[in-house]
Amino acid sequence: MYERLNRSAANALAYRITRPLERAEMQQLTDELEGSIAAAGKIRVLLDLQAFPYADLGVLWEDLKFDVKYARQLERLALVGGGKVEQWSTRIFGLLTLTRSRCFEAGQLDAAWDWLVGN
């Protein structure tokens, strides 16, 4: 399950993931992000990970397809609370897509948001 957090900036979005996402939830989330890209052109995304984000490999695949399709429209990605797997995947994602990306420790939501919306 995911929820959109009450943080606002013209092109920055924040979400909390509280349990692994099913395919329908991933589709709903990517639809929201696509709508934001259509409105703003480029976006920045913060994910507060309370749980591993994927229920199965199919959900991971859907996320990867979105990332490849919109790599140039994702300016920054901040992950909060990710473990070693998320830290490495954030680094690899940044290198492959040229998106500025960074992992933050659990509880560093404010620092992650400040980095996300900063210059």
PDB file of N, CA and C in Angstrom:
ATOM      1  N   MET A   1       0.841  -1.172   0.000  1.00  0.00           N
ATOM      2  CA  MET A   1       0.000   0.000   0.000  1.00  0.00           C
ATOM      3  C   MET A   1       0.887   1.236   0.000  1.00  0.00           C
ATOM      4  N   TYR A   2       0.417   2.284  -0.667  1.00  0.00           N
ATOM      5  CA  TYR A   2       1.144   3.535  -0.658  1.00  0.00           C
ATOM      6  C   TYR A   2       0.178   4.675  -0.360  1.00  0.00           C
ATOM      7  N   GLU A   3       0.746   5.776   0.113  1.00  0.00           N
ATOM      8  CA  GLU A   3      -0.035   6.980   0.329  1.00  0.00           C
ATOM      9  C   GLU A   3       0.794   8.177  -0.099  1.00  0.00           C
ATOM     10  N   ARG A   4       0.124   9.168  -0.646  1.00  0.00           N
ATOM     11  CA  ARG A   4       0.806  10.404  -1.014  1.00  0.00           C
ATOM     12  C   ARG A   4       0.922  11.262   0.237  1.00  0.00           C
ATOM     13  N   LEU A   5       2.111  11.774   0.479  1.00  0.00           N
ATOM     14  CA  LEU A   5       2.359  12.585   1.664  1.00  0.00           C
ATOM     15  C   LEU A   5       1.999  14.044   1.399  1.00  0.00           C
ATOM     16  N   ASN A   6       1.675  14.755   2.452  1.00  0.00           N
ATOM     17  CA  ASN A   6       1.295  16.164   2.351  1.00  0.00           C
ATOM     18  C   ASN A   6       2.528  17.059   2.297  1.00  0.00           C
ATOM     19  N   ARG A   7       3.221  16.965   1.228  1.00  0.00           N
ATOM     20  CA  ARG A   7       4.352  17.844   0.947  1.00  0.00           C
ATOM     21  C   ARG A   7       4.042  18.417  -0.420  1.00  0.00           C
ATOM     22  N   SER A   8       4.390  19.667  -0.634  1.00  0.00           N
ATOM     23  CA  SER A   8       4.041  20.211  -1.938  1.00  0.00           C
ATOM     24  C   SER A   8       5.148  21.076  -2.509  1.00  0.00           C
ATOM     25  N   ALA A   9       5.344  20.906  -3.755  1.00  0.00           N
ATOM     26  CA  ALA A   9       6.195  21.738  -4.587  1.00  0.00           C
ATOM     27  C   ALA A   9       5.680  21.508  -6.001  1.00  0.00           C
ATOM     28  N   ALA A  10       5.957  22.434  -6.883  1.00  0.00           N
ATOM     29  CA  ALA A  10       5.392  22.359  -8.232  1.00  0.00           C
ATOM     30  C   ALA A  10       5.705  21.048  -8.934  1.00  0.00           C
ATOM     31  N   ASN A  11       6.907  20.532  -8.743  1.00  0.00           N
ATOM     32  CA  ASN A  11       7.307  19.339  -9.486  1.00  0.00           C
ATOM     33  C   ASN A  11       7.834  18.228  -8.583  1.00  0.00           C
ATOM     34  N   ALA A  12       7.552  18.293  -7.289  1.00  0.00           N
ATOM     35  CA  ALA A  12       8.061  17.287  -6.351  1.00  0.00           C
ATOM     36  C   ALA A  12       6.905  16.553  -5.676  1.00  0.00           C
ATOM     37  N   LEU A  13       7.037  15.227  -5.615  1.00  0.00           N
ATOM     38  CA  LEU A  13       6.003  14.373  -5.038  1.00  0.00           C
ATOM     39  C   LEU A  13       6.632  13.480  -3.981  1.00  0.00           C
ATOM     40  N   ALA A  14       5.880  13.212  -2.920  1.00  0.00           N
ATOM     41  CA  ALA A  14       6.368  12.335  -1.854  1.00  0.00           C
ATOM     42  C   ALA A  14       5.322  11.269  -1.557  1.00  0.00           C
ATOM     43  N   TYR A  15       5.805  10.028  -1.408  1.00  0.00           N
ATOM     44  CA  TYR A  15       4.932   8.891  -1.129  1.00  0.00           C
ATOM     45  C   TYR A  15       5.527   8.049  -0.001  1.00  0.00           C
ATOM     46  N   ARG A  16       4.658   7.400   0.742  1.00  0.00           N
ATOM     47  CA  ARG A  16       5.069   6.429   1.757  1.00  0.00           C
ATOM     48  C   ARG A  16       4.550   5.070   1.315  1.00  0.00           C
ATOM     49  N   ILE A  17       5.430   4.089   1.313  1.00  0.00           N
ATOM     50  CA  ILE A  17       5.051   2.715   0.976  1.00  0.00           C
ATOM     51  C   ILE A  17       5.094   1.905   2.264  1.00  0.00           C
ATOM     52  N   THR A  18       3.927   1.378   2.667  1.00  0.00           N
ATOM     53  CA  THR A  18       3.818   0.698   3.954  1.00  0.00           C
ATOM     54  C   THR A  18       3.797  -0.826   3.850  1.00  0.00           C
ATOM     55  N   ARG A  19       3.629  -1.336   2.643  1.00  0.00           N
ATOM     56  CA  ARG A  19       3.717  -2.777   2.411  1.00  0.00           C
ATOM     57  C   ARG A  19       4.014  -2.976   0.929  1.00  0.00           C
ATOM     58  N   PRO A  20       4.497  -4.145   0.532  1.00  0.00           N
ATOM     59  CA  PRO A  20       4.809  -4.365  -0.882  1.00  0.00           C
ATOM     60  C   PRO A  20       3.603  -4.088  -1.783  1.00  0.00           C
ATOM     61  N   LEU A  21       3.870  -3.408  -2.890  1.00  0.00           N
ATOM     62  CA  LEU A  21       2.811  -3.027  -3.820  1.00  0.00           C
ATOM     63  C   LEU A  21       2.429  -4.179  -4.744  1.00  0.00           C
ATOM     64  N   GLU A  22       1.137  -4.311  -4.974  1.00  0.00           N
ATOM     65  CA  GLU A  22       0.612  -5.241  -5.965  1.00  0.00           C
ATOM     66  C   GLU A  22       0.613  -4.525  -7.318  1.00  0.00           C
ATOM     67  N   ARG A  23       0.385  -5.280  -8.403  1.00  0.00           N
ATOM     68  CA  ARG A  23       0.419  -4.690  -9.750  1.00  0.00           C
ATOM     69  C   ARG A  23      -0.566  -3.529  -9.907  1.00  0.00           C
ATOM     70  N   ALA A  24      -1.775  -3.685  -9.409  1.00  0.00           N
ATOM     71  CA  ALA A  24      -2.784  -2.630  -9.556  1.00  0.00           C
ATOM     72  C   ALA A  24      -2.336  -1.356  -8.837  1.00  0.00           C
ATOM     73  N   GLU A  25      -1.724  -1.512  -7.676  1.00  0.00           N
ATOM     74  CA  GLU A  25      -1.229  -0.346  -6.943  1.00  0.00           C
ATOM     75  C   GLU A  25      -0.070   0.325  -7.683  1.00  0.00           C
ATOM     76  N   MET A  26       0.825  -0.478  -8.250  1.00  0.00           N
ATOM     77  CA  MET A  26       1.934   0.094  -9.018  1.00  0.00           C
ATOM     78  C   MET A  26       1.397   0.833 -10.230  1.00  0.00           C
ATOM     79  N   GLN A  27       0.375   0.287 -10.876  1.00  0.00           N
ATOM     80  CA  GLN A  27      -0.224   0.960 -12.029  1.00  0.00           C
ATOM     81  C   GLN A  27      -0.836   2.290 -11.610  1.00  0.00           C
ATOM     82  N   GLN A  28      -1.522   2.303 -10.494  1.00  0.00           N
ATOM     83  CA  GLN A  28      -2.131   3.530  -9.993  1.00  0.00           C
ATOM     84  C   GLN A  28      -1.051   4.576  -9.682  1.00  0.00           C
ATOM     85  N   LEU A  29       0.027   4.149  -9.052  1.00  0.00           N
ATOM     86  CA  LEU A  29       1.122   5.065  -8.722  1.00  0.00           C
ATOM     87  C   LEU A  29       1.781   5.605  -9.994  1.00  0.00           C
ATOM     88  N   THR A  30       2.055   4.742 -10.949  1.00  0.00           N
ATOM     89  CA  THR A  30       2.697   5.222 -12.178  1.00  0.00           C
ATOM     90  C   THR A  30       1.747   6.127 -12.974  1.00  0.00           C
ATOM     91  N   ASP A  31       0.451   5.876 -12.906  1.00  0.00           N
ATOM     92  CA  ASP A  31      -0.506   6.782 -13.551  1.00  0.00           C
ATOM     93  C   ASP A  31      -0.435   8.177 -12.931  1.00  0.00           C
ATOM     94  N   GLU A  32      -0.344   8.240 -11.600  1.00  0.00           N
ATOM     95  CA  GLU A  32      -0.211   9.527 -10.910  1.00  0.00           C
ATOM     96  C   GLU A  32       1.071  10.241 -11.350  1.00  0.00           C
ATOM     97  N   LEU A  33       2.162   9.492 -11.395  1.00  0.00           N
ATOM     98  CA  LEU A  33       3.437  10.089 -11.789  1.00  0.00           C
ATOM     99  C   LEU A  33       3.404  10.560 -13.240  1.00  0.00           C
ATOM    100  N   GLU A  34       2.799   9.774 -14.120  1.00  0.00           N
ATOM    101  CA  GLU A  34       2.665  10.184 -15.521  1.00  0.00           C
ATOM    102  C   GLU A  34       1.857  11.467 -15.642  1.00  0.00           C
ATOM    103  N   GLY A  35       0.804  11.595 -14.851  1.00  0.00           N
ATOM    104  CA  GLY A  35       0.001  12.819 -14.849  1.00  0.00           C
ATOM    105  C   GLY A  35       0.822  14.021 -14.398  1.00  0.00           C
ATOM    106  N   SER A  36       1.657  13.823 -13.404  1.00  0.00           N
ATOM    107  CA  SER A  36       2.517  14.904 -12.925  1.00  0.00           C
ATOM    108  C   SER A  36       3.557  15.280 -13.970  1.00  0.00           C
ATOM    109  N   ILE A  37       4.093  14.284 -14.660  1.00  0.00           N
ATOM    110  CA  ILE A  37       5.059  14.557 -15.733  1.00  0.00           C
ATOM    111  C   ILE A  37       4.382  15.347 -16.846  1.00  0.00           C
ATOM    112  N   ALA A  38       3.160  14.964 -17.196  1.00  0.00           N
ATOM    113  CA  ALA A  38       2.432  15.683 -18.241  1.00  0.00           C
ATOM    114  C   ALA A  38       2.201  17.141 -17.847  1.00  0.00           C
ATOM    115  N   ALA A  39       1.954  17.391 -16.559  1.00  0.00           N
ATOM    116  CA  ALA A  39       1.684  18.751 -16.093  1.00  0.00           C
ATOM    117  C   ALA A  39       2.956  19.579 -15.893  1.00  0.00           C
ATOM    118  N   ALA A  40       4.013  18.952 -15.360  1.00  0.00           N
ATOM    119  CA  ALA A  40       5.212  19.712 -14.975  1.00  0.00           C
ATOM    120  C   ALA A  40       6.391  19.542 -15.925  1.00  0.00           C
ATOM    121  N   GLY A  41       6.368  18.508 -16.742  1.00  0.00           N
ATOM    122  CA  GLY A  41       7.498  18.246 -17.633  1.00  0.00           C
ATOM    123  C   GLY A  41       8.523  17.337 -16.988  1.00  0.00           C
ATOM    124  N   LYS A  42       9.110  17.788 -15.890  1.00  0.00           N
ATOM    125  CA  LYS A  42      10.068  16.985 -15.128  1.00  0.00           C
ATOM    126  C   LYS A  42       9.628  16.961 -13.677  1.00  0.00           C
ATOM    127  N   ILE A  43       9.879  15.829 -13.020  1.00  0.00           N
ATOM    128  CA  ILE A  43       9.458  15.703 -11.621  1.00  0.00           C
ATOM    129  C   ILE A  43      10.595  15.181 -10.756  1.00  0.00           C
ATOM    130  N   ARG A  44      10.393  15.348  -9.463  1.00  0.00           N
ATOM    131  CA  ARG A  44      11.279  14.812  -8.437  1.00  0.00           C
ATOM    132  C   ARG A  44      10.404  13.970  -7.505  1.00  0.00           C
ATOM    133  N   VAL A  45      10.922  12.805  -7.101  1.00  0.00           N
ATOM    134  CA  VAL A  45      10.103  11.868  -6.329  1.00  0.00           C
ATOM    135  C   VAL A  45      10.837  11.431  -5.067  1.00  0.00           C
ATOM    136  N   LEU A  46      10.116  11.455  -3.953  1.00  0.00           N
ATOM    137  CA  LEU A  46      10.601  10.944  -2.677  1.00  0.00           C
ATOM    138  C   LEU A  46       9.752   9.732  -2.312  1.00  0.00           C
ATOM    139  N   LEU A  47      10.413   8.635  -1.946  1.00  0.00           N
ATOM    140  CA  LEU A  47       9.717   7.432  -1.481  1.00  0.00           C
ATOM    141  C   LEU A  47      10.182   7.117  -0.071  1.00  0.00           C
ATOM    142  N   ASP A  48       9.248   7.148   0.875  1.00  0.00           N
ATOM    143  CA  ASP A  48       9.521   6.769   2.262  1.00  0.00           C
ATOM    144  C   ASP A  48       9.177   5.287   2.376  1.00  0.00           C
ATOM    145  N   LEU A  49      10.214   4.456   2.397  1.00  0.00           N
ATOM    146  CA  LEU A  49      10.011   3.001   2.369  1.00  0.00           C
ATOM    147  C   LEU A  49       9.862   2.446   3.781  1.00  0.00           C
ATOM    148  N   GLN A  50       8.636   2.093   4.124  1.00  0.00           N
ATOM    149  CA  GLN A  50       8.357   1.412   5.382  1.00  0.00           C
ATOM    150  C   GLN A  50       8.408  -0.105   5.184  1.00  0.00           C
ATOM    151  N   ALA A  51       8.446  -0.509   3.917  1.00  0.00           N
ATOM    152  CA  ALA A  51       8.490  -1.924   3.538  1.00  0.00           C
ATOM    153  C   ALA A  51       9.161  -2.027   2.173  1.00  0.00           C
ATOM    154  N   PHE A  52       9.614  -3.207   1.824  1.00  0.00           N
ATOM    155  CA  PHE A  52      10.143  -3.442   0.489  1.00  0.00           C
ATOM    156  C   PHE A  52       9.029  -3.142  -0.502  1.00  0.00           C
ATOM    157  N   PRO A  53       9.291  -2.406  -1.587  1.00  0.00           N
ATOM    158  CA  PRO A  53       8.202  -1.900  -2.414  1.00  0.00           C
ATOM    159  C   PRO A  53       7.528  -2.875  -3.378  1.00  0.00           C
ATOM    160  N   TYR A  54       8.075  -4.065  -3.600  1.00  0.00           N
ATOM    161  CA  TYR A  54       7.536  -4.936  -4.648  1.00  0.00           C
ATOM    162  C   TYR A  54       6.988  -6.246  -4.073  1.00  0.00           C
ATOM    163  N   ALA A  55       5.738  -6.555  -4.419  1.00  0.00           N
ATOM    164  CA  ALA A  55       5.138  -7.807  -3.970  1.00  0.00           C
ATOM    165  C   ALA A  55       5.696  -9.002  -4.734  1.00  0.00           C
ATOM    166  N   ASP A  56       6.090  -8.760  -6.002  1.00  0.00           N
ATOM    167  CA  ASP A  56       6.644  -9.840  -6.818  1.00  0.00           C
ATOM    168  C   ASP A  56       7.461  -9.245  -7.956  1.00  0.00           C
ATOM    169  N   LEU A  57       8.077 -10.097  -8.759  1.00  0.00           N
ATOM    170  CA  LEU A  57       8.928  -9.626  -9.849  1.00  0.00           C
ATOM    171  C   LEU A  57       8.143  -8.888 -10.931  1.00  0.00           C
ATOM    172  N   GLY A  58       6.877  -9.217 -11.090  1.00  0.00           N
ATOM    173  CA  GLY A  58       6.043  -8.513 -12.062  1.00  0.00           C
ATOM    174  C   GLY A  58       5.883  -7.036 -11.714  1.00  0.00           C
ATOM    175  N   VAL A  59       5.757  -6.744 -10.437  1.00  0.00           N
ATOM    176  CA  VAL A  59       5.639  -5.351  -9.994  1.00  0.00           C
ATOM    177  C   VAL A  59       6.964  -4.628 -10.205  1.00  0.00           C
ATOM    178  N   LEU A  60       8.056  -5.294  -9.914  1.00  0.00           N
ATOM    179  CA  LEU A  60       9.384  -4.722 -10.181  1.00  0.00           C
ATOM    180  C   LEU A  60       9.531  -4.418 -11.672  1.00  0.00           C
ATOM    181  N   TRP A  61       9.108  -5.333 -12.517  1.00  0.00           N
ATOM    182  CA  TRP A  61       9.193  -5.147 -13.965  1.00  0.00           C
ATOM    183  C   TRP A  61       8.394  -3.915 -14.401  1.00  0.00           C
ATOM    184  N   GLU A  62       7.191  -3.743 -13.853  1.00  0.00           N
ATOM    185  CA  GLU A  62       6.373  -2.569 -14.187  1.00  0.00           C
ATOM    186  C   GLU A  62       7.091  -1.279 -13.786  1.00  0.00           C
ATOM    187  N   ASP A  63       7.730  -1.286 -12.632  1.00  0.00           N
ATOM    188  CA  ASP A  63       8.482  -0.120 -12.178  1.00  0.00           C
ATOM    189  C   ASP A  63       9.659   0.161 -13.103  1.00  0.00           C
ATOM    190  N   LEU A  64      10.378  -0.872 -13.492  1.00  0.00           N
ATOM    191  CA  LEU A  64      11.521  -0.698 -14.386  1.00  0.00           C
ATOM    192  C   LEU A  64      11.098  -0.141 -15.745  1.00  0.00           C
ATOM    193  N   LYS A  65       9.972  -0.618 -16.264  1.00  0.00           N
ATOM    194  CA  LYS A  65       9.478  -0.095 -17.544  1.00  0.00           C
ATOM    195  C   LYS A  65       9.173   1.398 -17.431  1.00  0.00           C
ATOM    196  N   PHE A  66       8.554   1.799 -16.335  1.00  0.00           N
ATOM    197  CA  PHE A  66       8.266   3.221 -16.115  1.00  0.00           C
ATOM    198  C   PHE A  66       9.571   4.017 -16.036  1.00  0.00           C
ATOM    199  N   ASP A  67      10.541   3.498 -15.285  1.00  0.00           N
ATOM    200  CA  ASP A  67      11.819   4.194 -15.121  1.00  0.00           C
ATOM    201  C   ASP A  67      12.523   4.410 -16.456  1.00  0.00           C
ATOM    202  N   VAL A  68      12.514   3.410 -17.299  1.00  0.00           N
ATOM    203  CA  VAL A  68      13.165   3.527 -18.608  1.00  0.00           C
ATOM    204  C   VAL A  68      12.406   4.527 -19.483  1.00  0.00           C
ATOM    205  N   LYS A  69      11.104   4.439 -19.503  1.00  0.00           N
ATOM    206  CA  LYS A  69      10.288   5.319 -20.341  1.00  0.00           C
ATOM    207  C   LYS A  69      10.443   6.784 -19.953  1.00  0.00           C
ATOM    208  N   TYR A  70      10.533   7.061 -18.646  1.00  0.00           N
ATOM    209  CA  TYR A  70      10.536   8.446 -18.178  1.00  0.00           C
ATOM    210  C   TYR A  70      11.856   8.870 -17.540  1.00  0.00           C
ATOM    211  N   ALA A  71      12.933   8.198 -17.866  1.00  0.00           N
ATOM    212  CA  ALA A  71      14.229   8.503 -17.247  1.00  0.00           C
ATOM    213  C   ALA A  71      14.602   9.975 -17.390  1.00  0.00           C
ATOM    214  N   ARG A  72      14.327  10.568 -18.514  1.00  0.00           N
ATOM    215  CA  ARG A  72      14.711  11.977 -18.738  1.00  0.00           C
ATOM    216  C   ARG A  72      13.782  12.964 -18.037  1.00  0.00           C
ATOM    217  N   GLN A  73      12.625  12.497 -17.607  1.00  0.00           N
ATOM    218  CA  GLN A  73      11.700  13.378 -16.899  1.00  0.00           C
ATOM    219  C   GLN A  73      11.838  13.281 -15.381  1.00  0.00           C
ATOM    220  N   LEU A  74      12.657  12.344 -14.891  1.00  0.00           N
ATOM    221  CA  LEU A  74      12.896  12.198 -13.455  1.00  0.00           C
ATOM    222  C   LEU A  74      14.187  12.929 -13.105  1.00  0.00           C
ATOM    223  N   GLU A  75      14.053  14.081 -12.463  1.00  0.00           N
ATOM    224  CA  GLU A  75      15.232  14.876 -12.117  1.00  0.00           C
ATOM    225  C   GLU A  75      15.956  14.332 -10.886  1.00  0.00           C
ATOM    226  N   ARG A  76      15.175  13.968  -9.879  1.00  0.00           N
ATOM    227  CA  ARG A  76      15.757  13.464  -8.632  1.00  0.00           C
ATOM    228  C   ARG A  76      14.875  12.373  -8.047  1.00  0.00           C
ATOM    229  N   LEU A  77      15.535  11.458  -7.345  1.00  0.00           N
ATOM    230  CA  LEU A  77      14.848  10.399  -6.628  1.00  0.00           C
ATOM    231  C   LEU A  77      15.472  10.287  -5.247  1.00  0.00           C
ATOM    232  N   ALA A  78      14.656  10.398  -4.205  1.00  0.00           N
ATOM    233  CA  ALA A  78      15.116  10.236  -2.827  1.00  0.00           C
ATOM    234  C   ALA A  78      14.386   9.049  -2.209  1.00  0.00           C
ATOM    235  N   LEU A  79      15.158   8.117  -1.640  1.00  0.00           N
ATOM    236  CA  LEU A  79      14.577   6.987  -0.912  1.00  0.00           C
ATOM    237  C   LEU A  79      14.918   7.152   0.557  1.00  0.00           C
ATOM    238  N   VAL A  80      13.911   7.006   1.406  1.00  0.00           N
ATOM    239  CA  VAL A  80      14.105   7.111   2.850  1.00  0.00           C
ATOM    240  C   VAL A  80      13.869   5.742   3.458  1.00  0.00           C
ATOM    241  N   GLY A  81      14.799   5.300   4.296  1.00  0.00           N
ATOM    242  CA  GLY A  81      14.616   4.066   5.030  1.00  0.00           C
ATOM    243  C   GLY A  81      14.981   2.805   4.286  1.00  0.00           C
ATOM    244  N   GLY A  82      15.623   2.944   3.176  1.00  0.00           N
ATOM    245  CA  GLY A  82      16.002   1.765   2.409  1.00  0.00           C
ATOM    246  C   GLY A  82      17.181   1.038   3.022  1.00  0.00           C
ATOM    247  N   GLY A  83      17.200  -0.262   2.862  1.00  0.00           N
ATOM    248  CA  GLY A  83      18.314  -1.084   3.308  1.00  0.00           C
ATOM    249  C   GLY A  83      19.411  -1.122   2.256  1.00  0.00           C
ATOM    250  N   LYS A  84      20.289  -2.087   2.370  1.00  0.00           N
ATOM    251  CA  LYS A  84      21.430  -2.204   1.448  1.00  0.00           C
ATOM    252  C   LYS A  84      20.976  -2.401  -0.003  1.00  0.00           C
ATOM    253  N   VAL A  85      19.957  -3.202  -0.214  1.00  0.00           N
ATOM    254  CA  VAL A  85      19.467  -3.442  -1.578  1.00  0.00           C
ATOM    255  C   VAL A  85      18.986  -2.133  -2.195  1.00  0.00           C
ATOM    256  N   GLU A  86      18.230  -1.356  -1.452  1.00  0.00           N
ATOM    257  CA  GLU A  86      17.717  -0.094  -1.960  1.00  0.00           C
ATOM    258  C   GLU A  86      18.844   0.909  -2.186  1.00  0.00           C
ATOM    259  N   GLN A  87      19.839   0.912  -1.303  1.00  0.00           N
ATOM    260  CA  GLN A  87      20.975   1.823  -1.477  1.00  0.00           C
ATOM    261  C   GLN A  87      21.711   1.529  -2.779  1.00  0.00           C
ATOM    262  N   TRP A  88      21.982   0.267  -3.023  1.00  0.00           N
ATOM    263  CA  TRP A  88      22.664  -0.109  -4.264  1.00  0.00           C
ATOM    264  C   TRP A  88      21.799   0.135  -5.484  1.00  0.00           C
ATOM    265  N   SER A  89      20.516  -0.185  -5.383  1.00  0.00           N
ATOM    266  CA  SER A  89      19.639   0.030  -6.544  1.00  0.00           C
ATOM    267  C   SER A  89      19.501   1.514  -6.857  1.00  0.00           C
ATOM    268  N   THR A  90      19.531   2.365  -5.846  1.00  0.00           N
ATOM    269  CA  THR A  90      19.480   3.808  -6.070  1.00  0.00           C
ATOM    270  C   THR A  90      20.723   4.277  -6.804  1.00  0.00           C
ATOM    271  N   ARG A  91      21.871   3.769  -6.420  1.00  0.00           N
ATOM    272  CA  ARG A  91      23.113   4.138  -7.110  1.00  0.00           C
ATOM    273  C   ARG A  91      23.093   3.681  -8.563  1.00  0.00           C
ATOM    274  N   ILE A  92      22.690   2.449  -8.768  1.00  0.00           N
ATOM    275  CA  ILE A  92      22.648   1.911 -10.134  1.00  0.00           C
ATOM    276  C   ILE A  92      21.626   2.683 -10.971  1.00  0.00           C
ATOM    277  N   PHE A  93      20.450   2.951 -10.398  1.00  0.00           N
ATOM    278  CA  PHE A  93      19.410   3.707 -11.092  1.00  0.00           C
ATOM    279  C   PHE A  93      19.957   5.067 -11.523  1.00  0.00           C
ATOM    280  N   GLY A  94      20.639   5.753 -10.618  1.00  0.00           N
ATOM    281  CA  GLY A  94      21.205   7.053 -10.933  1.00  0.00           C
ATOM    282  C   GLY A  94      22.219   6.992 -12.053  1.00  0.00           C
ATOM    283  N   LEU A  95      23.056   5.982 -12.030  1.00  0.00           N
ATOM    284  CA  LEU A  95      24.066   5.846 -13.078  1.00  0.00           C
ATOM    285  C   LEU A  95      23.453   5.518 -14.439  1.00  0.00           C
ATOM    286  N   LEU A  96      22.468   4.651 -14.448  1.00  0.00           N
ATOM    287  CA  LEU A  96      21.855   4.237 -15.708  1.00  0.00           C
ATOM    288  C   LEU A  96      20.942   5.297 -16.322  1.00  0.00           C
ATOM    289  N   THR A  97      20.303   6.084 -15.484  1.00  0.00           N
ATOM    290  CA  THR A  97      19.326   7.049 -15.994  1.00  0.00           C
ATOM    291  C   THR A  97      19.812   8.491 -15.934  1.00  0.00           C
ATOM    292  N   LEU A  98      20.958   8.712 -15.312  1.00  0.00           N
ATOM    293  CA  LEU A  98      21.494  10.058 -15.087  1.00  0.00           C
ATOM    294  C   LEU A  98      20.588  10.897 -14.185  1.00  0.00           C
ATOM    295  N   THR A  99      19.741  10.229 -13.415  1.00  0.00           N
ATOM    296  CA  THR A  99      18.886  10.887 -12.432  1.00  0.00           C
ATOM    297  C   THR A  99      19.685  11.047 -11.146  1.00  0.00           C
ATOM    298  N   ARG A 100      19.649  12.253 -10.572  1.00  0.00           N
ATOM    299  CA  ARG A 100      20.289  12.435  -9.272  1.00  0.00           C
ATOM    300  C   ARG A 100      19.463  11.661  -8.257  1.00  0.00           C
ATOM    301  N   SER A 101      20.089  10.725  -7.566  1.00  0.00           N
ATOM    302  CA  SER A 101      19.359   9.885  -6.622  1.00  0.00           C
ATOM    303  C   SER A 101      20.181   9.700  -5.353  1.00  0.00           C
ATOM    304  N   ARG A 102      19.448   9.545  -4.253  1.00  0.00           N
ATOM    305  CA  ARG A 102      20.118   9.429  -2.961  1.00  0.00           C
ATOM    306  C   ARG A 102      19.237   8.671  -1.976  1.00  0.00           C
ATOM    307  N   CYS A 103      19.885   7.844  -1.134  1.00  0.00           N
ATOM    308  CA  CYS A 103      19.204   7.137  -0.046  1.00  0.00           C
ATOM    309  C   CYS A 103      19.427   7.878   1.266  1.00  0.00           C
ATOM    310  N   PHE A 104      18.414   7.881   2.100  1.00  0.00           N
ATOM    311  CA  PHE A 104      18.478   8.483   3.423  1.00  0.00           C
ATOM    312  C   PHE A 104      18.086   7.434   4.457  1.00  0.00           C
ATOM    313  N   GLU A 105      18.624   7.563   5.645  1.00  0.00           N
ATOM    314  CA  GLU A 105      18.283   6.644   6.735  1.00  0.00           C
ATOM    315  C   GLU A 105      16.823   6.833   7.139  1.00  0.00           C
ATOM    316  N   ALA A 106      16.249   5.801   7.745  1.00  0.00           N
ATOM    317  CA  ALA A 106      14.891   5.897   8.277  1.00  0.00           C
ATOM    318  C   ALA A 106      14.821   7.089   9.228  1.00  0.00           C
ATOM    319  N   GLY A 107      13.735   7.827   9.163  1.00  0.00           N
ATOM    320  CA  GLY A 107      13.560   8.983  10.026  1.00  0.00           C
ATOM    321  C   GLY A 107      14.113  10.283   9.456  1.00  0.00           C
ATOM    322  N   GLN A 108      14.747  10.233   8.295  1.00  0.00           N
ATOM    323  CA  GLN A 108      15.322  11.441   7.706  1.00  0.00           C
ATOM    324  C   GLN A 108      14.435  12.012   6.593  1.00  0.00           C
ATOM    325  N   LEU A 109      13.146  11.954   6.797  1.00  0.00           N
ATOM    326  CA  LEU A 109      12.200  12.426   5.795  1.00  0.00           C
ATOM    327  C   LEU A 109      12.396  13.912   5.484  1.00  0.00           C
ATOM    328  N   ASP A 110      12.569  14.734   6.504  1.00  0.00           N
ATOM    329  CA  ASP A 110      12.746  16.173   6.274  1.00  0.00           C
ATOM    330  C   ASP A 110      14.030  16.462   5.500  1.00  0.00           C
ATOM    331  N   ALA A 111      15.108  15.792   5.850  1.00  0.00           N
ATOM    332  CA  ALA A 111      16.373  15.987   5.127  1.00  0.00           C
ATOM    333  C   ALA A 111      16.234  15.536   3.672  1.00  0.00           C
ATOM    334  N   ALA A 112      15.540  14.442   3.457  1.00  0.00           N
ATOM    335  CA  ALA A 112      15.330  13.942   2.095  1.00  0.00           C
ATOM    336  C   ALA A 112      14.492  14.936   1.287  1.00  0.00           C
ATOM    337  N   TRP A 113      13.453  15.480   1.896  1.00  0.00           N
ATOM    338  CA  TRP A 113      12.612  16.458   1.199  1.00  0.00           C
ATOM    339  C   TRP A 113      13.418  17.708   0.853  1.00  0.00           C
ATOM    340  N   ASP A 114      14.209  18.192   1.810  1.00  0.00           N
ATOM    341  CA  ASP A 114      15.037  19.387   1.563  1.00  0.00           C
ATOM    342  C   ASP A 114      15.988  19.139   0.390  1.00  0.00           C
ATOM    343  N   TRP A 115      16.606  17.958   0.346  1.00  0.00           N
ATOM    344  CA  TRP A 115      17.501  17.628  -0.767  1.00  0.00           C
ATOM    345  C   TRP A 115      16.718  17.552  -2.079  1.00  0.00           C
ATOM    346  N   LEU A 116      15.541  16.937  -2.014  1.00  0.00           N
ATOM    347  CA  LEU A 116      14.731  16.738  -3.220  1.00  0.00           C
ATOM    348  C   LEU A 116      14.362  18.063  -3.871  1.00  0.00           C
ATOM    349  N   VAL A 117      13.935  19.030  -3.090  1.00  0.00           N
ATOM    350  CA  VAL A 117      13.451  20.290  -3.653  1.00  0.00           C
ATOM    351  C   VAL A 117      14.554  21.346  -3.773  1.00  0.00           C
ATOM    352  N   GLY A 118      15.747  21.049  -3.264  1.00  0.00           N
ATOM    353  CA  GLY A 118      16.863  21.990  -3.351  1.00  0.00           C
ATOM    354  C   GLY A 118      17.403  22.094  -4.762  1.00  0.00           C
ATOM    355  N   ASN A 119      18.362  22.974  -4.906  1.00  0.00           N
ATOM    356  CA  ASN A 119      18.985  23.166  -6.231  1.00  0.00           C
ATOM    357  C   ASN A 119      19.914  22.063  -6.474  1.00  0.00           C
TER     358      ASN A 119
END
